[in-house]
All heavy atoms as atom14 arrays in JSON, in Angstrom:
{
  "sequence": "RVLASAFNFAVVDKVFFFYAPKILGGDDGVPICSGPGAELMNECI",
  "atom14_mask": [
    [1, 1, 1, 1, 1, 1, 1, 1, 1, 1, 1, 0, 0, 0],
    [1, 1, 1, 1, 1, 1, 1, 0, 0, 0, 0, 0, 0, 0],
    [1, 1, 1, 1, 1, 1, 1, 1, 0, 0, 0, 0, 0, 0],
    [1, 1, 1, 1, 1, 0, 0, 0, 0, 0, 0, 0, 0, 0],
    [1, 1, 1, 1, 1, 1, 0, 0, 0, 0, 0, 0, 0, 0],
    [1, 1, 1, 1, 1, 0, 0, 0, 0, 0, 0, 0, 0, 0],
    [1, 1, 1, 1, 1, 1, 1, 1, 1, 1, 1, 0, 0, 0],
    [1, 1, 1, 1, 1, 1, 1, 1, 0, 0, 0, 0, 0, 0],
    [1, 1, 1, 1, 1, 1, 1, 1, 1, 1, 1, 0, 0, 0],
    [1, 1, 1, 1, 1, 0, 0, 0, 0, 0, 0, 0, 0, 0],
    [1, 1, 1, 1, 1, 1, 1, 0, 0, 0, 0, 0, 0, 0],
    [1, 1, 1, 1, 1, 1, 1, 0, 0, 0, 0, 0, 0, 0],
    [1, 1, 1, 1, 1, 1, 1, 1, 0, 0, 0, 0, 0, 0],
    [1, 1, 1, 1, 1, 1, 1, 1, 1, 0, 0, 0, 0, 0],
    [1, 1, 1, 1, 1, 1, 1, 0, 0, 0, 0, 0, 0, 0],
    [1, 1, 1, 1, 1, 1, 1, 1, 1, 1, 1, 0, 0, 0],
    [1, 1, 1, 1, 1, 1, 1, 1, 1, 1, 1, 0, 0, 0],
    [1, 1, 1, 1, 1, 1, 1, 1, 1, 1, 1, 0, 0, 0],
    [1, 1, 1, 1, 1, 1, 1, 1, 1, 1, 1, 1, 0, 0],
    [1, 1, 1, 1, 1, 0, 0, 0, 0, 0, 0, 0, 0, 0],
    [1, 1, 1, 1, 1, 1, 1, 0, 0, 0, 0, 0, 0, 0],
    [1, 1, 1, 1, 1, 1, 1, 1, 1, 0, 0, 0, 0, 0],
    [1, 1, 1, 1, 1, 1, 1, 1, 0, 0, 0, 0, 0, 0],
    [1, 1, 1, 1, 1, 1, 1, 1, 0, 0, 0, 0, 0, 0],
    [1, 1, 1, 1, 0, 0, 0, 0, 0, 0, 0, 0, 0, 0],
    [1, 1, 1, 1, 0, 0, 0, 0, 0, 0, 0, 0, 0, 0],
    [1, 1, 1, 1, 1, 1, 1, 1, 0, 0, 0, 0, 0, 0],
    [1, 1, 1, 1, 1, 1, 1, 1, 0, 0, 0, 0, 0, 0],
    [1, 1, 1, 1, 0, 0, 0, 0, 0, 0, 0, 0, 0, 0],
    [1, 1, 1, 1, 1, 1, 1, 0, 0, 0, 0, 0, 0, 0],
    [1, 1, 1, 1, 1, 1, 1, 0, 0, 0, 0, 0, 0, 0],
    [1, 1, 1, 1, 1, 1, 1, 1, 0, 0, 0, 0, 0, 0],
    [1, 1, 1, 1, 1, 1, 0, 0, 0, 0, 0, 0, 0, 0],
    [1, 1, 1, 1, 1, 1, 0, 0, 0, 0, 0, 0, 0, 0],
    [1, 1, 1, 1, 0, 0, 0, 0, 0, 0, 0, 0, 0, 0],
    [1, 1, 1, 1, 1, 1, 1, 0, 0, 0, 0, 0, 0, 0],
    [1, 1, 1, 1, 0, 0, 0, 0, 0, 0, 0, 0, 0, 0],
    [1, 1, 1, 1, 1, 0, 0, 0, 0, 0, 0, 0, 0, 0],
    [1, 1, 1, 1, 1, 1, 1, 1, 1, 0, 0, 0, 0, 0],
    [1, 1, 1, 1, 1, 1, 1, 1, 0, 0, 0, 0, 0, 0],
    [1, 1, 1, 1, 1, 1, 1, 1, 0, 0, 0, 0, 0, 0],
    [1, 1, 1, 1, 1, 1, 1, 1, 0, 0, 0, 0, 0, 0],
    [1, 1, 1, 1, 1, 1, 1, 1, 1, 0, 0, 0, 0, 0],
    [1, 1, 1, 1, 1, 1, 0, 0, 0, 0, 0, 0, 0, 0],
    [1, 1, 1, 1, 1, 1, 1, 1, 0, 0, 0, 0, 0, 0]
  ],
  "atom14_positions": [
    [[0.83, -1.21, 0.0], [0.0, 0.0, 0.0], [0.86, 1.25, 0.0], [0.54, 2.24, -0.68], [-0.93, 0.0, 1.22], [-2.03, -1.06, 1.17], [-2.93, -0.96, 2.4], [-3.95, -2.0, 2.39], [-4.84, -2.17, 3.35], [-4.84, -1.36, 4.41], [-5.73, -3.14, 3.27], [0.0, 0.0, 0.0], [0.0, 0.0, 0.0], [0.0, 0.0, 0.0]],
    [[1.94, 1.22, 0.75], [2.83, 2.39, 0.82], [3.53, 2.59, -0.52], [3.64, 3.73, -1.01], [3.86, 2.21, 1.95], [4.87, 3.35, 1.94], [3.16, 2.16, 3.3], [0.0, 0.0, 0.0], [0.0, 0.0, 0.0], [0.0, 0.0, 0.0], [0.0, 0.0, 0.0], [0.0, 0.0, 0.0], [0.0, 0.0, 0.0], [0.0, 0.0, 0.0]],
    [[3.99, 1.5, -1.13], [4.63, 1.63, -2.45], [3.64, 2.18, -3.47], [3.98, 3.08, -4.25], [5.17, 0.27, -2.9], [6.42, -0.24, -2.18], [6.69, -1.69, -2.54], [7.62, 0.62, -2.53], [0.0, 0.0, 0.0], [0.0, 0.0, 0.0], [0.0, 0.0, 0.0], [0.0, 0.0, 0.0], [0.0, 0.0, 0.0], [0.0, 0.0, 0.0]],
    [[2.43, 1.65, -3.48], [1.42, 2.14, -4.42], [1.14, 3.61, -4.2], [1.04, 4.4, -5.16], [0.14, 1.32, -4.28], [0.0, 0.0, 0.0], [0.0, 0.0, 0.0], [0.0, 0.0, 0.0], [0.0, 0.0, 0.0], [0.0, 0.0, 0.0], [0.0, 0.0, 0.0], [0.0, 0.0, 0.0], [0.0, 0.0, 0.0], [0.0, 0.0, 0.0]],
    [[1.03, 4.01, -2.94], [0.76, 5.41, -2.62], [1.89, 6.32, -3.08], [1.67, 7.4, -3.64], [0.53, 5.56, -1.12], [0.2, 6.88, -0.78], [0.0, 0.0, 0.0], [0.0, 0.0, 0.0], [0.0, 0.0, 0.0], [0.0, 0.0, 0.0], [0.0, 0.0, 0.0], [0.0, 0.0, 0.0], [0.0, 0.0, 0.0], [0.0, 0.0, 0.0]],
    [[3.13, 5.87, -2.86], [4.29, 6.67, -3.26], [4.32, 6.89, -4.77], [4.61, 7.99, -5.25], [5.58, 6.0, -2.79], [0.0, 0.0, 0.0], [0.0, 0.0, 0.0], [0.0, 0.0, 0.0], [0.0, 0.0, 0.0], [0.0, 0.0, 0.0], [0.0, 0.0, 0.0], [0.0, 0.0, 0.0], [0.0, 0.0, 0.0], [0.0, 0.0, 0.0]],
    [[4.0, 5.83, -5.53], [3.97, 5.98, -6.99], [2.79, 6.83, -7.43], [2.91, 7.65, -8.35], [3.92, 4.6, -7.65], [5.23, 3.86, -7.62], [5.36, 2.66, -6.93], [6.34, 4.37, -8.27], [6.56, 1.98, -6.89], [7.56, 3.7, -8.24], [7.67, 2.5, -7.55], [0.0, 0.0, 0.0], [0.0, 0.0, 0.0], [0.0, 0.0, 0.0]],
    [[1.65, 6.67, -6.79], [0.47, 7.45, -7.17], [0.65, 8.93, -6.89], [0.14, 9.79, -7.62], [-0.77, 6.92, -6.46], [-1.23, 5.58, -7.01], [-0.97, 5.26, -8.16], [-1.9, 4.8, -6.18], [0.0, 0.0, 0.0], [0.0, 0.0, 0.0], [0.0, 0.0, 0.0], [0.0, 0.0, 0.0], [0.0, 0.0, 0.0], [0.0, 0.0, 0.0]],
    [[1.37, 9.25, -5.82], [1.65, 10.65, -5.49], [2.86, 11.19, -6.26], [3.22, 12.36, -6.1], [1.88, 10.82, -3.98], [0.62, 10.96, -3.18], [0.08, 9.86, -2.52], [-0.03, 12.18, -3.08], [-1.08, 9.98, -1.76], [-1.19, 12.3, -2.32], [-1.73, 11.21, -1.66], [0.0, 0.0, 0.0], [0.0, 0.0, 0.0], [0.0, 0.0, 0.0]],
    [[3.5, 10.32, -7.04], [4.64, 10.72, -7.9], [5.8, 11.31, -7.1], [6.38, 12.33, -7.49], [4.18, 11.69, -8.97], [0.0, 0.0, 0.0], [0.0, 0.0, 0.0], [0.0, 0.0, 0.0], [0.0, 0.0, 0.0], [0.0, 0.0, 0.0], [0.0, 0.0, 0.0], [0.0, 0.0, 0.0], [0.0, 0.0, 0.0], [0.0, 0.0, 0.0]],
    [[6.15, 10.67, -5.99], [7.27, 11.16, -5.19], [8.54, 10.32, -5.37], [9.6, 10.68, -4.85], [6.92, 11.22, -3.68], [5.74, 12.15, -3.45], [6.65, 9.83, -3.11], [0.0, 0.0, 0.0], [0.0, 0.0, 0.0], [0.0, 0.0, 0.0], [0.0, 0.0, 0.0], [0.0, 0.0, 0.0], [0.0, 0.0, 0.0], [0.0, 0.0, 0.0]],
    [[8.46, 9.22, -6.1], [9.6, 8.31, -6.23], [10.54, 8.78, -7.34], [10.11, 9.09, -8.45], [9.13, 6.88, -6.52], [10.33, 5.94, -6.69], [8.21, 6.38, -5.4], [0.0, 0.0, 0.0], [0.0, 0.0, 0.0], [0.0, 0.0, 0.0], [0.0, 0.0, 0.0], [0.0, 0.0, 0.0], [0.0, 0.0, 0.0], [0.0, 0.0, 0.0]],
    [[11.84, 8.81, -7.03], [12.87, 9.19, -8.0], [13.59, 7.98, -8.6], [14.03, 8.02, -9.74], [13.92, 10.1, -7.35], [13.32, 11.4, -6.83], [12.87, 12.21, -7.66], [13.3, 11.59, -5.6], [0.0, 0.0, 0.0], [0.0, 0.0, 0.0], [0.0, 0.0, 0.0], [0.0, 0.0, 0.0], [0.0, 0.0, 0.0], [0.0, 0.0, 0.0]],
    [[13.72, 6.91, -7.81], [14.56, 5.78, -8.22], [13.99, 4.49, -7.65], [13.39, 4.51, -6.56], [15.99, 6.0, -7.7], [17.05, 5.06, -8.24], [18.44, 5.49, -7.75], [19.54, 4.66, -8.37], [20.89, 5.12, -7.93], [0.0, 0.0, 0.0], [0.0, 0.0, 0.0], [0.0, 0.0, 0.0], [0.0, 0.0, 0.0], [0.0, 0.0, 0.0]],
    [[14.17, 3.39, -8.36], [13.66, 2.11, -7.87], [14.79, 1.09, -7.75], [15.74, 1.1, -8.53], [12.55, 1.54, -8.78], [11.35, 2.46, -8.78], [13.06, 1.3, -10.19], [0.0, 0.0, 0.0], [0.0, 0.0, 0.0], [0.0, 0.0, 0.0], [0.0, 0.0, 0.0], [0.0, 0.0, 0.0], [0.0, 0.0, 0.0], [0.0, 0.0, 0.0]],
    [[14.64, 0.23, -6.75], [15.49, -0.95, -6.57], [14.54, -2.14, -6.41], [14.03, -2.39, -5.33], [16.38, -0.81, -5.34], [17.46, 0.23, -5.44], [17.23, 1.51, -4.98], [18.69, -0.08, -5.99], [18.22, 2.48, -5.06], [19.68, 0.88, -6.08], [19.45, 2.16, -5.62], [0.0, 0.0, 0.0], [0.0, 0.0, 0.0], [0.0, 0.0, 0.0]],
    [[14.28, -2.84, -7.5], [13.35, -3.96, -7.47], [14.13, -5.27, -7.59], [14.76, -5.52, -8.62], [12.33, -3.85, -8.61], [11.14, -2.98, -8.29], [11.24, -1.95, -7.37], [9.92, -3.18, -8.92], [10.15, -1.14, -7.06], [8.82, -2.38, -8.62], [8.94, -1.36, -7.69], [0.0, 0.0, 0.0], [0.0, 0.0, 0.0], [0.0, 0.0, 0.0]],
    [[14.08, -6.07, -6.53], [14.73, -7.39, -6.52], [13.72, -8.45, -6.96], [12.55, -8.41, -6.55], [15.21, -7.75, -5.11], [16.38, -6.95, -4.63], [16.19, -5.76, -3.95], [17.68, -7.4, -4.83], [17.27, -5.02, -3.48], [18.76, -6.68, -4.37], [18.56, -5.48, -3.7], [0.0, 0.0, 0.0], [0.0, 0.0, 0.0], [0.0, 0.0, 0.0]],
    [[14.2, -9.4, -7.76], [13.36, -10.53, -8.16], [14.1, -11.84, -7.84], [15.27, -12.01, -8.22], [13.02, -10.46, -9.65], [12.03, -9.37, -9.95], [12.46, -8.11, -10.33], [10.66, -9.6, -9.81], [11.55, -7.09, -10.59], [9.74, -8.58, -10.07], [10.19, -7.34, -10.45], [9.29, -6.33, -10.69], [0.0, 0.0, 0.0], [0.0, 0.0, 0.0]],
    [[13.41, -12.71, -7.1], [13.98, -14.0, -6.73], [13.45, -15.08, -7.68], [12.32, -14.98, -8.16], [13.61, -14.34, -5.29], [0.0, 0.0, 0.0], [0.0, 0.0, 0.0], [0.0, 0.0, 0.0], [0.0, 0.0, 0.0], [0.0, 0.0, 0.0], [0.0, 0.0, 0.0], [0.0, 0.0, 0.0], [0.0, 0.0, 0.0], [0.0, 0.0, 0.0]],
    [[14.25, -16.11, -7.96], [13.8, -17.18, -8.87], [12.8, -18.12, -8.2], [13.06, -19.3, -7.99], [15.11, -17.88, -9.23], [15.98, -17.68, -8.03], [15.64, -16.32, -7.5], [0.0, 0.0, 0.0], [0.0, 0.0, 0.0], [0.0, 0.0, 0.0], [0.0, 0.0, 0.0], [0.0, 0.0, 0.0], [0.0, 0.0, 0.0], [0.0, 0.0, 0.0]],
    [[11.66, -17.54, -7.84], [10.59, -18.28, -7.17], [9.26, -17.88, -7.79], [9.09, -16.73, -8.21], [10.55, -17.97, -5.67], [11.84, -18.26, -4.91], [11.74, -17.75, -3.48], [13.04, -17.99, -2.73], [12.98, -17.45, -1.35], [0.0, 0.0, 0.0], [0.0, 0.0, 0.0], [0.0, 0.0, 0.0], [0.0, 0.0, 0.0], [0.0, 0.0, 0.0]],
    [[8.35, -18.8, -7.83], [6.99, -18.51, -8.3], [6.02, -18.91, -7.21], [5.96, -20.07, -6.81], [6.69, -19.26, -9.6], [7.64, -18.8, -10.72], [5.23, -19.06, -10.02], [7.55, -19.61, -11.98], [0.0, 0.0, 0.0], [0.0, 0.0, 0.0], [0.0, 0.0, 0.0], [0.0, 0.0, 0.0], [0.0, 0.0, 0.0], [0.0, 0.0, 0.0]],
    [[5.29, -17.93, -6.7], [4.36, -18.2, -5.61], [3.14, -18.97, -6.11], [2.64, -19.87, -5.44], [3.94, -16.87, -4.96], [3.26, -16.96, -3.6], [4.18, -17.61, -2.58], [2.87, -15.56, -3.13], [0.0, 0.0, 0.0], [0.0, 0.0, 0.0], [0.0, 0.0, 0.0], [0.0, 0.0, 0.0], [0.0, 0.0, 0.0], [0.0, 0.0, 0.0]],
    [[2.67, -18.61, -7.31], [1.48, -19.27, -7.85], [0.2, -18.7, -7.25], [0.2, -18.15, -6.15], [0.0, 0.0, 0.0], [0.0, 0.0, 0.0], [0.0, 0.0, 0.0], [0.0, 0.0, 0.0], [0.0, 0.0, 0.0], [0.0, 0.0, 0.0], [0.0, 0.0, 0.0], [0.0, 0.0, 0.0], [0.0, 0.0, 0.0], [0.0, 0.0, 0.0]],
    [[-0.88, -18.82, -7.97], [-2.15, -18.3, -7.46], [-2.22, -16.8, -7.59], [-1.29, -16.13, -8.04], [0.0, 0.0, 0.0], [0.0, 0.0, 0.0], [0.0, 0.0, 0.0], [0.0, 0.0, 0.0], [0.0, 0.0, 0.0], [0.0, 0.0, 0.0], [0.0, 0.0, 0.0], [0.0, 0.0, 0.0], [0.0, 0.0, 0.0], [0.0, 0.0, 0.0]],
    [[-3.34, -16.24, -7.16], [-3.53, -14.8, -7.24], [-3.84, -14.18, -5.88], [-4.36, -13.07, -5.8], [-4.67, -14.47, -8.22], [-6.01, -15.08, -7.8], [-6.05, -15.76, -6.76], [-7.0, -14.86, -8.52], [0.0, 0.0, 0.0], [0.0, 0.0, 0.0], [0.0, 0.0, 0.0], [0.0, 0.0, 0.0], [0.0, 0.0, 0.0], [0.0, 0.0, 0.0]],
    [[-3.51, -14.91, -4.81], [-3.85, -14.41, -3.49], [-2.66, -13.97, -2.67], [-2.79, -13.64, -1.49], [-4.65, -15.47, -2.71], [-3.93, -16.81, -2.64], [-2.85, -16.94, -3.27], [-4.44, -17.73, -1.97], [0.0, 0.0, 0.0], [0.0, 0.0, 0.0], [0.0, 0.0, 0.0], [0.0, 0.0, 0.0], [0.0, 0.0, 0.0], [0.0, 0.0, 0.0]],
    [[-1.45, -13.96, -3.26], [-0.3, -13.41, -2.56], [-0.36, -11.89, -2.54], [-1.2, -11.26, -3.18], [0.0, 0.0, 0.0], [0.0, 0.0, 0.0], [0.0, 0.0, 0.0], [0.0, 0.0, 0.0], [0.0, 0.0, 0.0], [0.0, 0.0, 0.0], [0.0, 0.0, 0.0], [0.0, 0.0, 0.0], [0.0, 0.0, 0.0], [0.0, 0.0, 0.0]],
    [[0.56, -11.28, -1.8], [0.59, -9.81, -1.69], [1.37, -9.25, -2.87], [2.54, -9.58, -3.06], [1.25, -9.37, -0.37], [1.25, -7.85, -0.26], [0.53, -10.0, 0.82], [0.0, 0.0, 0.0], [0.0, 0.0, 0.0], [0.0, 0.0, 0.0], [0.0, 0.0, 0.0], [0.0, 0.0, 0.0], [0.0, 0.0, 0.0], [0.0, 0.0, 0.0]],
    [[0.76, -8.37, -3.69], [1.45, -7.81, -4.85], [2.42, -6.71, -4.45], [2.39, -6.21, -3.31], [0.31, -7.24, -5.69], [-0.72, -6.84, -4.68], [-0.63, -7.88, -3.58], [0.0, 0.0, 0.0], [0.0, 0.0, 0.0], [0.0, 0.0, 0.0], [0.0, 0.0, 0.0], [0.0, 0.0, 0.0], [0.0, 0.0, 0.0], [0.0, 0.0, 0.0]],
    [[3.27, -6.32, -5.38], [4.22, -5.23, -5.11], [3.47, -3.96, -4.76], [3.8, -3.26, -3.8], [5.15, -5.0, -6.32], [6.04, -6.23, -6.54], [6.0, -3.76, -6.12], [6.85, -6.18, -7.83], [0.0, 0.0, 0.0], [0.0, 0.0, 0.0], [0.0, 0.0, 0.0], [0.0, 0.0, 0.0], [0.0, 0.0, 0.0], [0.0, 0.0, 0.0]],
    [[2.47, -3.62, -5.55], [1.62, -2.46, -5.29], [0.17, -2.92, -5.22], [-0.29, -3.67, -6.08], [1.76, -1.43, -6.42], [3.38, -0.66, -6.52], [0.0, 0.0, 0.0], [0.0, 0.0, 0.0], [0.0, 0.0, 0.0], [0.0, 0.0, 0.0], [0.0, 0.0, 0.0], [0.0, 0.0, 0.0], [0.0, 0.0, 0.0], [0.0, 0.0, 0.0]],
    [[-0.54, -2.49, -4.2], [-1.95, -2.88, -4.06], [-2.85, -1.71, -4.42], [-2.46, -0.55, -4.36], [-2.23, -3.33, -2.63], [-2.02, -2.27, -1.72], [0.0, 0.0, 0.0], [0.0, 0.0, 0.0], [0.0, 0.0, 0.0], [0.0, 0.0, 0.0], [0.0, 0.0, 0.0], [0.0, 0.0, 0.0], [0.0, 0.0, 0.0], [0.0, 0.0, 0.0]],
    [[-4.08, -2.03, -4.8], [-5.03, -1.01, -5.18], [-5.08, -0.84, -6.69], [-4.36, -1.51, -7.42], [0.0, 0.0, 0.0], [0.0, 0.0, 0.0], [0.0, 0.0, 0.0], [0.0, 0.0, 0.0], [0.0, 0.0, 0.0], [0.0, 0.0, 0.0], [0.0, 0.0, 0.0], [0.0, 0.0, 0.0], [0.0, 0.0, 0.0], [0.0, 0.0, 0.0]],
    [[-5.94, 0.03, -7.17], [-6.09, 0.22, -8.62], [-4.85, 0.83, -9.24], [-4.2, 1.7, -8.65], [-7.3, 1.17, -8.73], [-7.35, 1.88, -7.41], [-6.85, 0.91, -6.39], [0.0, 0.0, 0.0], [0.0, 0.0, 0.0], [0.0, 0.0, 0.0], [0.0, 0.0, 0.0], [0.0, 0.0, 0.0], [0.0, 0.0, 0.0], [0.0, 0.0, 0.0]],
    [[-4.51, 0.35, -10.43], [-3.38, 0.88, -11.16], [-3.83, 1.52, -12.46], [-5.0, 1.9, -12.62], [0.0, 0.0, 0.0], [0.0, 0.0, 0.0], [0.0, 0.0, 0.0], [0.0, 0.0, 0.0], [0.0, 0.0, 0.0], [0.0, 0.0, 0.0], [0.0, 0.0, 0.0], [0.0, 0.0, 0.0], [0.0, 0.0, 0.0], [0.0, 0.0, 0.0]],
    [[-2.9, 1.62, -13.41], [-3.21, 2.23, -14.7], [-4.19, 1.37, -15.48], [-4.18, 0.14, -15.39], [-1.93, 2.41, -15.5], [0.0, 0.0, 0.0], [0.0, 0.0, 0.0], [0.0, 0.0, 0.0], [0.0, 0.0, 0.0], [0.0, 0.0, 0.0], [0.0, 0.0, 0.0], [0.0, 0.0, 0.0], [0.0, 0.0, 0.0], [0.0, 0.0, 0.0]],
    [[-5.06, 2.01, -16.26], [-6.01, 1.29, -17.08], [-5.39, 0.84, -18.4], [-5.77, -0.18, -18.97], [-7.23, 2.17, -17.37], [-8.08, 2.45, -16.14], [-9.33, 3.24, -16.47], [-9.52, 3.57, -17.66], [-10.11, 3.54, -15.54], [0.0, 0.0, 0.0], [0.0, 0.0, 0.0], [0.0, 0.0, 0.0], [0.0, 0.0, 0.0], [0.0, 0.0, 0.0]],
    [[-4.43, 1.61, -18.92], [-3.8, 1.33, -20.21], [-2.29, 1.22, -20.04], [-1.69, 1.88, -19.16], [-4.13, 2.43, -21.21], [-5.62, 2.68, -21.49], [-5.79, 3.91, -22.36], [-6.25, 1.45, -22.14], [0.0, 0.0, 0.0], [0.0, 0.0, 0.0], [0.0, 0.0, 0.0], [0.0, 0.0, 0.0], [0.0, 0.0, 0.0], [0.0, 0.0, 0.0]],
    [[-1.64, 0.42, -20.89], [-0.2, 0.25, -20.8], [0.55, 1.55, -21.04], [1.61, 1.79, -20.45], [0.27, -0.81, -21.8], [-0.13, -2.23, -21.44], [0.44, -2.76, -19.79], [2.21, -2.75, -20.01], [0.0, 0.0, 0.0], [0.0, 0.0, 0.0], [0.0, 0.0, 0.0], [0.0, 0.0, 0.0], [0.0, 0.0, 0.0], [0.0, 0.0, 0.0]],
    [[-0.01, 2.42, -21.9], [0.69, 3.68, -22.15], [0.54, 4.68, -21.0], [1.05, 5.79, -21.07], [0.23, 4.31, -23.47], [-1.25, 4.67, -23.48], [-1.92, 4.65, -22.45], [-1.76, 5.0, -24.67], [0.0, 0.0, 0.0], [0.0, 0.0, 0.0], [0.0, 0.0, 0.0], [0.0, 0.0, 0.0], [0.0, 0.0, 0.0], [0.0, 0.0, 0.0]],
    [[-0.18, 4.27, -19.95], [-0.3, 5.1, -18.75], [0.63, 4.63, -17.63], [0.64, 5.2, -16.54], [-1.75, 5.08, -18.25], [-2.75, 5.7, -19.21], [-4.19, 5.54, -18.75], [-4.43, 4.76, -17.79], [-5.07, 6.18, -19.34], [0.0, 0.0, 0.0], [0.0, 0.0, 0.0], [0.0, 0.0, 0.0], [0.0, 0.0, 0.0], [0.0, 0.0, 0.0]],
    [[1.42, 3.6, -17.92], [2.33, 3.06, -16.9], [3.41, 4.09, -16.54], [3.75, 4.96, -17.33], [3.0, 1.79, -17.41], [1.92, 0.37, -17.52], [0.0, 0.0, 0.0], [0.0, 0.0, 0.0], [0.0, 0.0, 0.0], [0.0, 0.0, 0.0], [0.0, 0.0, 0.0], [0.0, 0.0, 0.0], [0.0, 0.0, 0.0], [0.0, 0.0, 0.0]],
    [[3.96, 3.94, -15.36], [5.07, 4.77, -14.92], [6.34, 4.25, -15.6], [6.7, 3.08, -15.46], [5.23, 4.72, -13.4], [3.96, 5.27, -12.73], [6.45, 5.5, -12.94], [3.87, 4.95, -11.24], [0.0, 0.0, 0.0], [0.0, 0.0, 0.0], [0.0, 0.0, 0.0], [0.0, 0.0, 0.0], [0.0, 0.0, 0.0], [0.0, 0.0, 0.0]]
  ]
}
């Protein structure tokens, strides 16, 4: 929620995103950003 809020308020200058070679599976894990995001790909950050 905090990450989503920071991006939505446009206060982030730089990102450090780590990815581990693991697959959680399913759709009930906690996402990187929660809540509504962009509707179109050209609206992505």
